[in-house]
């Protein structure tokens, strides 16, 4: 069954919430615009491997025909309509949550995990069912935490080298907040440098962090760095997470931030065997970014953001299916192959425009 799409003169039409009768389980991808999302093919690979008659349905899709890039997209339904629908849907198994709802949906859920609270955003809804009453609780979490952690740990030559060493976060959005939590909780960073073009975004991160973690002595301190000379003097980070788009710097603030990043990354002439790893979260429209190239030239091991996407998706699948997804023979490699193929195809399509 499906609700009729709503057309608005003030914006694109609203995507209907469908519940296919031929499926046993339905997950959703809630947000808009969902341009080239890899979440549905990732989850379909898992469901097929586990023998589940499930699928994930994006709640935003291309509407009309247009040669423009990006194409026109529908709007996802508002939060109240979405929640009423999933609460009434016996086939609902869980949902990915993306922009613009990752923060706004949090007060409307029954419970939040510490991951969601510390990251300040919810990217996943999963169900808890009371074994006595059968009552379902709708819980928000943030599996990007798991994605960033596993991408770094699984691909680092020696993950133990993260502990007691500085880390560097590039950016001022949700990825930066999540990465800070990961560096503190699991990787044992001694301090965390923050580099971003917008000083107000960094100030917001610092203020939120003070409210969330009032006992500052128990946390790796956050250290904003805005001077390339200071960056060159500081102890080098062992792990870097970059969460900014792959655009050439243009404004004075962007140029200065890029100079700070270059100072941290060094050059081929200054590269040593002690260089660490960098997780470049931007993989669309191409997986190899300008920052990835700068890091590689400086002797850093570059981990593509698709790795974080894979591991956060596998954690979502574990929560939704209740199965040992990672422990299923061959499944992780199947997911990696599907994601790599999709990224290569979409990068090729983008370059041909």
Protein backbone atom coordinates (compact mmCIF):
# COMPACT_ATOMS: atom_id res chain seq x y z
CA UNK A 1 0.00 0.00 0.00
CA UNK A 2 1.19 3.53 -0.61
CA UNK A 3 0.13 7.01 0.32
CA UNK A 4 -0.40 9.36 -2.62
CA UNK A 5 2.47 11.70 -3.41
CA UNK A 6 1.89 15.30 -2.38
CA UNK A 7 2.82 18.01 -4.82
CA UNK A 8 3.76 21.39 -3.42
CA UNK A 9 4.24 24.63 -5.26
CA UNK A 10 6.97 25.43 -2.76
CA UNK A 11 9.12 22.41 -3.42
CA UNK A 12 9.44 18.96 -4.93
CA UNK A 13 6.76 16.30 -4.43
CA UNK A 14 6.78 14.15 -1.32
CA UNK A 15 7.92 10.53 -1.68
CA UNK A 16 5.22 8.01 -0.68
CA UNK A 17 6.01 5.41 1.99
CA UNK A 18 5.43 2.02 0.40
CA UNK A 19 5.09 -1.37 2.11
CA UNK A 20 5.45 -4.04 -0.60
CA UNK A 21 3.11 -6.97 0.07
CA UNK A 22 5.56 -9.53 -1.38
CA UNK A 23 8.28 -8.84 1.21
CA UNK A 24 8.73 -10.17 4.73
CA UNK A 25 10.78 -7.21 5.99
CA UNK A 26 11.18 -3.58 4.97
CA UNK A 27 13.97 -1.20 5.89
CA UNK A 28 13.98 2.41 4.76
CA UNK A 29 16.58 4.98 3.82
CA UNK A 30 15.11 8.16 5.23
CA UNK A 31 16.35 11.49 3.88
CA UNK A 32 16.73 13.57 0.75
CA UNK A 33 18.15 13.98 -1.76
CA UNK A 34 19.51 10.44 -1.86
CA UNK A 35 21.89 10.95 -4.73
CA UNK A 36 23.65 7.69 -5.66
CA UNK A 37 23.28 6.22 -2.17
CA UNK A 38 25.10 2.91 -1.79
CA UNK A 39 22.99 1.87 1.20
CA UNK A 40 20.25 -0.07 -0.70
CA UNK A 41 22.65 -2.26 -2.73
CA UNK A 42 24.80 -2.85 0.36
CA UNK A 43 21.83 -4.04 2.40
CA UNK A 44 20.35 -6.06 -0.44
CA UNK A 45 23.63 -7.96 -0.68
CA UNK A 46 23.35 -8.80 3.02
CA UNK A 47 19.70 -9.85 2.80
CA UNK A 48 20.33 -12.07 -0.22
CA UNK A 49 23.29 -13.75 1.50
CA UNK A 50 21.23 -14.41 4.64
CA UNK A 51 18.24 -15.71 2.68
CA UNK A 52 15.95 -12.90 3.85
CA UNK A 53 13.05 -11.69 1.75
CA UNK A 54 13.78 -8.10 2.74
CA UNK A 55 14.73 -4.89 0.98
CA UNK A 56 15.64 -1.28 1.77
CA UNK A 57 13.51 1.41 0.17
CA UNK A 58 14.85 4.95 -0.36
CA UNK A 59 12.39 7.64 0.68
CA UNK A 60 13.63 10.04 -1.97
CA UNK A 61 13.91 9.35 -5.68
CA UNK A 62 14.53 11.02 -9.03
CA UNK A 63 11.43 12.80 -10.26
CA UNK A 64 10.78 13.76 -13.86
CA UNK A 65 13.44 13.84 -16.54
CA UNK A 66 16.35 16.21 -16.61
CA UNK A 67 19.83 16.32 -18.07
CA UNK A 68 21.01 18.43 -15.13
CA UNK A 69 23.34 17.18 -12.43
CA UNK A 70 22.18 16.57 -9.81
CA UNK A 71 18.74 15.60 -11.08
CA UNK A 72 15.51 16.70 -9.37
CA UNK A 73 14.55 14.57 -6.37
CA UNK A 74 11.44 14.05 -4.26
CA UNK A 75 11.26 15.10 -0.61
CA UNK A 76 11.18 12.48 2.10
CA UNK A 77 8.06 12.64 4.32
CA UNK A 78 8.17 14.79 7.48
CA UNK A 79 9.21 13.11 10.72
CA UNK A 80 5.72 12.77 12.20
CA UNK A 81 4.35 11.06 9.10
CA UNK A 82 7.39 8.78 8.83
CA UNK A 83 7.20 7.67 12.47
CA UNK A 84 3.44 7.03 12.35
CA UNK A 85 4.00 4.86 9.29
CA UNK A 86 6.83 2.72 10.67
CA UNK A 87 5.13 2.26 14.04
CA UNK A 88 2.05 0.91 12.25
CA UNK A 89 4.07 -1.28 9.90
CA UNK A 90 4.54 -4.88 11.14
CA UNK A 91 7.14 -5.47 8.41
CA UNK A 92 9.38 -2.60 9.52
CA UNK A 93 12.84 -3.84 10.55
CA UNK A 94 14.86 -0.62 10.75
CA UNK A 95 15.91 2.50 8.93
CA UNK A 96 18.98 4.39 7.85
CA UNK A 97 18.61 8.11 8.56
CA UNK A 98 20.44 10.76 6.59
CA UNK A 99 20.19 14.48 5.96
CA UNK A 100 18.17 16.50 6.74
CA UNK A 101 16.79 14.34 9.57
CA UNK A 102 19.84 13.00 11.45
CA UNK A 103 19.57 15.51 14.30
CA UNK A 104 15.91 16.52 14.08
CA UNK A 105 14.60 12.97 14.54
CA UNK A 106 16.41 12.31 17.83
CA UNK A 107 13.84 13.83 20.26
CA UNK A 108 11.04 11.82 18.62
CA UNK A 109 12.49 8.35 19.25
CA UNK A 110 11.86 6.18 22.31
CA UNK A 111 15.53 5.90 23.27
CA UNK A 112 19.03 6.83 22.11
CA UNK A 113 22.30 4.95 22.46
CA UNK A 114 25.45 6.59 23.77
CA UNK A 115 26.78 6.54 20.19
CA UNK A 116 23.93 8.81 19.06
CA UNK A 117 24.22 11.10 22.08
CA UNK A 118 27.97 11.59 21.75
CA UNK A 119 27.93 11.96 17.97
CA UNK A 120 25.01 14.36 18.24
CA UNK A 121 23.21 12.64 15.39
CA UNK A 122 21.19 9.51 14.61
CA UNK A 123 21.90 7.63 11.38
CA UNK A 124 20.09 4.41 12.33
CA UNK A 125 16.79 3.35 13.86
CA UNK A 126 16.50 -0.19 15.19
CA UNK A 127 13.93 -2.09 17.21
CA UNK A 128 14.02 -3.49 20.72
CA UNK A 129 11.19 -5.89 21.52
CA UNK A 130 10.14 -6.69 25.07
CA UNK A 131 10.11 -10.53 25.27
CA UNK A 132 7.22 -10.49 27.75
CA UNK A 133 4.88 -7.95 26.21
CA UNK A 134 6.04 -7.87 22.59
CA UNK A 135 6.12 -4.08 22.77
CA UNK A 136 8.48 -2.51 20.25
CA UNK A 137 10.83 0.31 21.21
CA UNK A 138 12.27 2.52 18.47
CA UNK A 139 15.91 3.26 19.27
CA UNK A 140 18.24 5.73 17.57
CA UNK A 141 21.96 5.04 17.28
CA UNK A 142 24.90 6.13 15.16
CA UNK A 143 26.68 3.35 13.30
CA UNK A 144 29.01 5.88 11.67
CA UNK A 145 30.93 5.46 14.93
CA UNK A 146 31.40 1.78 14.14
CA UNK A 147 32.19 2.58 10.52
CA UNK A 148 34.98 5.05 11.31
CA UNK A 149 36.42 2.83 14.04
CA UNK A 150 36.49 -0.33 11.94
CA UNK A 151 37.78 1.45 8.83
CA UNK A 152 40.77 2.66 10.83
CA UNK A 153 41.39 -0.47 12.91
CA UNK A 154 40.88 -2.97 10.09
CA UNK A 155 43.18 -1.13 7.68
CA UNK A 156 45.95 0.25 9.91
CA UNK A 157 49.29 -1.61 9.85
CA UNK A 158 49.42 -1.41 13.66
CA UNK A 159 46.26 -0.09 15.38
CA UNK A 160 48.04 -0.07 18.74
CA UNK A 161 50.03 2.94 17.52
CA UNK A 162 46.92 5.11 17.79
CA UNK A 163 46.92 4.88 21.60
CA UNK A 164 48.64 7.75 23.39
CA UNK A 165 49.22 9.67 20.16
CA UNK A 166 47.45 12.75 18.77
CA UNK A 167 44.69 12.51 16.18
CA UNK A 168 43.57 15.05 13.59
CA UNK A 169 39.99 15.80 12.53
CA UNK A 170 39.40 17.81 9.34
CA UNK A 171 35.97 19.42 9.12
CA UNK A 172 33.25 20.86 11.32
CA UNK A 173 30.16 18.79 10.66
CA UNK A 174 28.67 15.51 11.78
CA UNK A 175 31.62 13.43 10.61
CA UNK A 176 33.98 15.52 12.75
CA UNK A 177 31.83 15.04 15.86
CA UNK A 178 31.59 11.29 15.29
CA UNK A 179 35.32 10.97 14.68
CA UNK A 180 36.11 12.82 17.91
CA UNK A 181 34.02 10.29 19.84
CA UNK A 182 35.76 7.39 18.09
CA UNK A 183 39.23 8.76 18.77
CA UNK A 184 38.45 9.11 22.45
CA UNK A 185 36.42 5.98 23.18
CA UNK A 186 38.25 3.35 21.16
CA UNK A 187 41.54 4.62 19.78
CA UNK A 188 42.93 6.27 22.90
CA UNK A 189 44.09 9.54 21.33
CA UNK A 190 46.13 11.78 23.64
CA UNK A 191 44.79 14.97 22.07
CA UNK A 192 42.69 15.81 19.04
CA UNK A 193 43.59 18.58 16.61
CA UNK A 194 40.67 20.16 14.73
CA UNK A 195 41.15 21.96 11.40
CA UNK A 196 38.25 23.62 9.59
CA UNK A 197 37.67 26.63 7.37
CA UNK A 198 34.81 27.95 9.54
CA UNK A 199 35.82 29.09 13.02
CA UNK A 200 32.18 29.27 14.15
CA UNK A 201 31.70 25.57 13.37
CA UNK A 202 34.75 24.69 15.46
CA UNK A 203 33.45 26.88 18.30
CA UNK A 204 30.13 25.02 18.15
CA UNK A 205 31.94 21.66 18.39
CA UNK A 206 33.90 22.88 21.42
CA UNK A 207 30.79 24.20 23.16
CA UNK A 208 28.78 21.03 22.50
CA UNK A 209 31.71 18.98 23.77
CA UNK A 210 31.85 20.98 27.02
CA UNK A 211 28.14 20.39 27.60
CA UNK A 212 28.34 16.69 26.74
CA UNK A 213 31.53 15.96 28.66
CA UNK A 214 31.84 18.39 31.58
CA UNK A 215 34.73 16.42 33.10
CA UNK A 216 37.35 17.64 30.64
CA UNK A 217 40.21 15.96 32.49
CA UNK A 218 38.84 12.55 31.50
CA UNK A 219 38.85 13.33 27.78
CA UNK A 220 41.50 13.90 25.13
CA UNK A 221 41.45 17.70 24.71
CA UNK A 222 40.25 19.30 21.49
CA UNK A 223 42.84 21.68 20.04
CA UNK A 224 41.81 23.96 17.14
CA UNK A 225 44.75 24.62 14.80
CA UNK A 226 44.61 27.56 12.39
CA UNK A 227 48.30 28.34 11.76
CA UNK A 228 50.38 26.23 9.35
CA UNK A 229 53.54 27.03 11.31
CA UNK A 230 51.94 25.74 14.52
CA UNK A 231 50.83 22.57 12.72
CA UNK A 232 54.39 21.94 11.56
CA UNK A 233 55.67 22.20 15.18
CA UNK A 234 53.06 19.96 16.81
CA UNK A 235 53.52 16.26 17.45
CA UNK A 236 52.35 14.45 14.33
CA UNK A 237 48.97 12.69 14.51
CA UNK A 238 48.81 8.92 14.19
CA UNK A 239 45.29 8.94 12.73
CA UNK A 240 43.46 11.50 10.61
CA UNK A 241 39.80 11.62 9.60
CA UNK A 242 38.91 14.03 6.81
CA UNK A 243 35.23 14.88 6.46
CA UNK A 244 35.08 17.73 3.94
CA UNK A 245 33.95 17.83 0.29
CA UNK A 246 36.52 17.47 -2.47
CA UNK A 247 36.52 21.08 -3.67
CA UNK A 248 39.60 23.21 -4.41
CA UNK A 249 40.07 25.88 -1.71
CA UNK A 250 38.92 29.31 -2.89
CA UNK A 251 38.17 31.64 0.01
CA UNK A 252 40.99 32.91 2.26
CA UNK A 253 39.68 30.69 5.08
CA UNK A 254 39.70 27.62 2.84
CA UNK A 255 43.20 28.39 1.55
CA UNK A 256 44.51 28.78 5.09
CA UNK A 257 42.85 25.56 6.28
CA UNK A 258 44.37 23.69 3.34
CA UNK A 259 47.80 25.07 4.24
CA UNK A 260 47.36 23.78 7.80
CA UNK A 261 46.39 20.36 6.46
CA UNK A 262 49.45 20.32 4.18
CA UNK A 263 51.67 21.20 7.13
CA UNK A 264 50.31 18.23 9.08
CA UNK A 265 50.64 15.89 6.10
CA UNK A 266 54.15 16.97 5.15
CA UNK A 267 55.66 16.14 1.77
CA UNK A 268 57.55 13.37 0.06
CA UNK A 269 60.80 14.99 1.22
CA UNK A 270 59.72 14.87 4.88
CA UNK A 271 57.92 11.51 4.82
CA UNK A 272 59.11 8.94 7.35
CA UNK A 273 58.23 5.40 8.23
CA UNK A 274 56.37 6.84 11.24
CA UNK A 275 53.58 8.41 9.16
CA UNK A 276 50.12 7.25 10.19
CA UNK A 277 46.83 6.63 8.41
CA UNK A 278 44.17 8.96 7.03
CA UNK A 279 40.55 8.03 6.50
CA UNK A 280 39.22 10.15 3.63
CA UNK A 281 35.46 10.05 4.14
CA UNK A 282 34.64 11.76 0.84
CA UNK A 283 34.33 9.08 -1.85
CA UNK A 284 31.71 10.67 -4.15
CA UNK A 285 31.83 11.47 -7.01
CA UNK A 286 35.37 10.03 -7.10
CA UNK A 287 37.05 7.95 -4.37
CA UNK A 288 40.50 9.55 -4.67
CA UNK A 289 40.43 13.18 -3.51
CA UNK A 290 42.93 16.04 -3.49
CA UNK A 291 43.55 15.47 0.23
CA UNK A 292 44.05 11.76 -0.40
CA UNK A 293 46.72 12.61 -2.97
CA UNK A 294 48.45 15.07 -0.64
CA UNK A 295 48.46 12.45 2.10
CA UNK A 296 49.76 9.71 -0.17
CA UNK A 297 52.56 11.97 -1.41
CA UNK A 298 53.47 12.68 2.22
CA UNK A 299 53.80 9.00 2.99
CA UNK A 300 50.45 8.41 4.73
CA UNK A 301 48.37 5.29 4.24
CA UNK A 302 45.06 6.40 2.72
CA UNK A 303 41.87 4.56 3.69
CA UNK A 304 38.92 5.30 1.43
CA UNK A 305 35.64 6.45 2.93
CA UNK A 306 33.85 3.51 1.33
CA UNK A 307 35.44 1.38 4.07
CA UNK A 308 33.58 3.35 6.74
CA UNK A 309 30.38 3.10 4.70
CA UNK A 310 30.75 -0.69 4.56
CA UNK A 311 31.37 -1.19 8.27
CA UNK A 312 28.60 1.15 9.39
CA UNK A 313 26.20 -0.67 7.05
CA UNK A 314 27.25 -4.06 8.39
CA UNK A 315 26.54 -2.86 11.93
CA UNK A 316 23.11 -1.63 10.81
CA UNK A 317 22.44 -5.04 9.29
CA UNK A 318 23.47 -6.75 12.54
CA UNK A 319 21.07 -4.59 14.53
CA UNK A 320 18.19 -5.18 12.10
CA UNK A 321 18.64 -8.90 11.45
CA UNK A 322 19.98 -10.03 14.82
CA UNK A 323 22.44 -12.17 12.90
CA UNK A 324 26.24 -12.42 12.96
CA UNK A 325 26.65 -10.56 9.67
CA UNK A 326 30.43 -10.13 9.83
CA UNK A 327 30.86 -13.76 10.84
CA UNK A 328 28.89 -15.06 7.84
CA UNK A 329 31.49 -16.64 5.52
CA UNK A 330 32.24 -14.52 2.47
CA UNK A 331 29.64 -11.86 3.21
CA UNK A 332 31.98 -8.99 4.08
CA UNK A 333 33.88 -9.54 0.82
CA UNK A 334 30.62 -9.67 -1.15
CA UNK A 335 29.63 -6.31 0.29
CA UNK A 336 33.06 -4.84 -0.45
CA UNK A 337 32.87 -6.05 -4.05
CA UNK A 338 29.38 -4.57 -4.58
CA UNK A 339 30.39 -1.22 -3.09
CA UNK A 340 33.65 -1.03 -5.08
CA UNK A 341 31.81 -1.85 -8.33
CA UNK A 342 29.10 0.74 -7.64
CA UNK A 343 31.62 3.48 -6.83
CA UNK A 344 33.64 2.74 -9.97
CA UNK A 345 30.53 2.80 -12.16
CA UNK A 346 29.25 6.05 -10.68
CA UNK A 347 32.65 7.75 -10.91
CA UNK A 348 32.83 6.76 -14.58
CA UNK A 349 29.30 8.07 -15.21
CA UNK A 350 30.12 11.38 -13.49
CA UNK A 351 33.32 11.86 -15.51
CA UNK A 352 31.40 11.37 -18.76
CA UNK A 353 28.99 14.25 -18.06
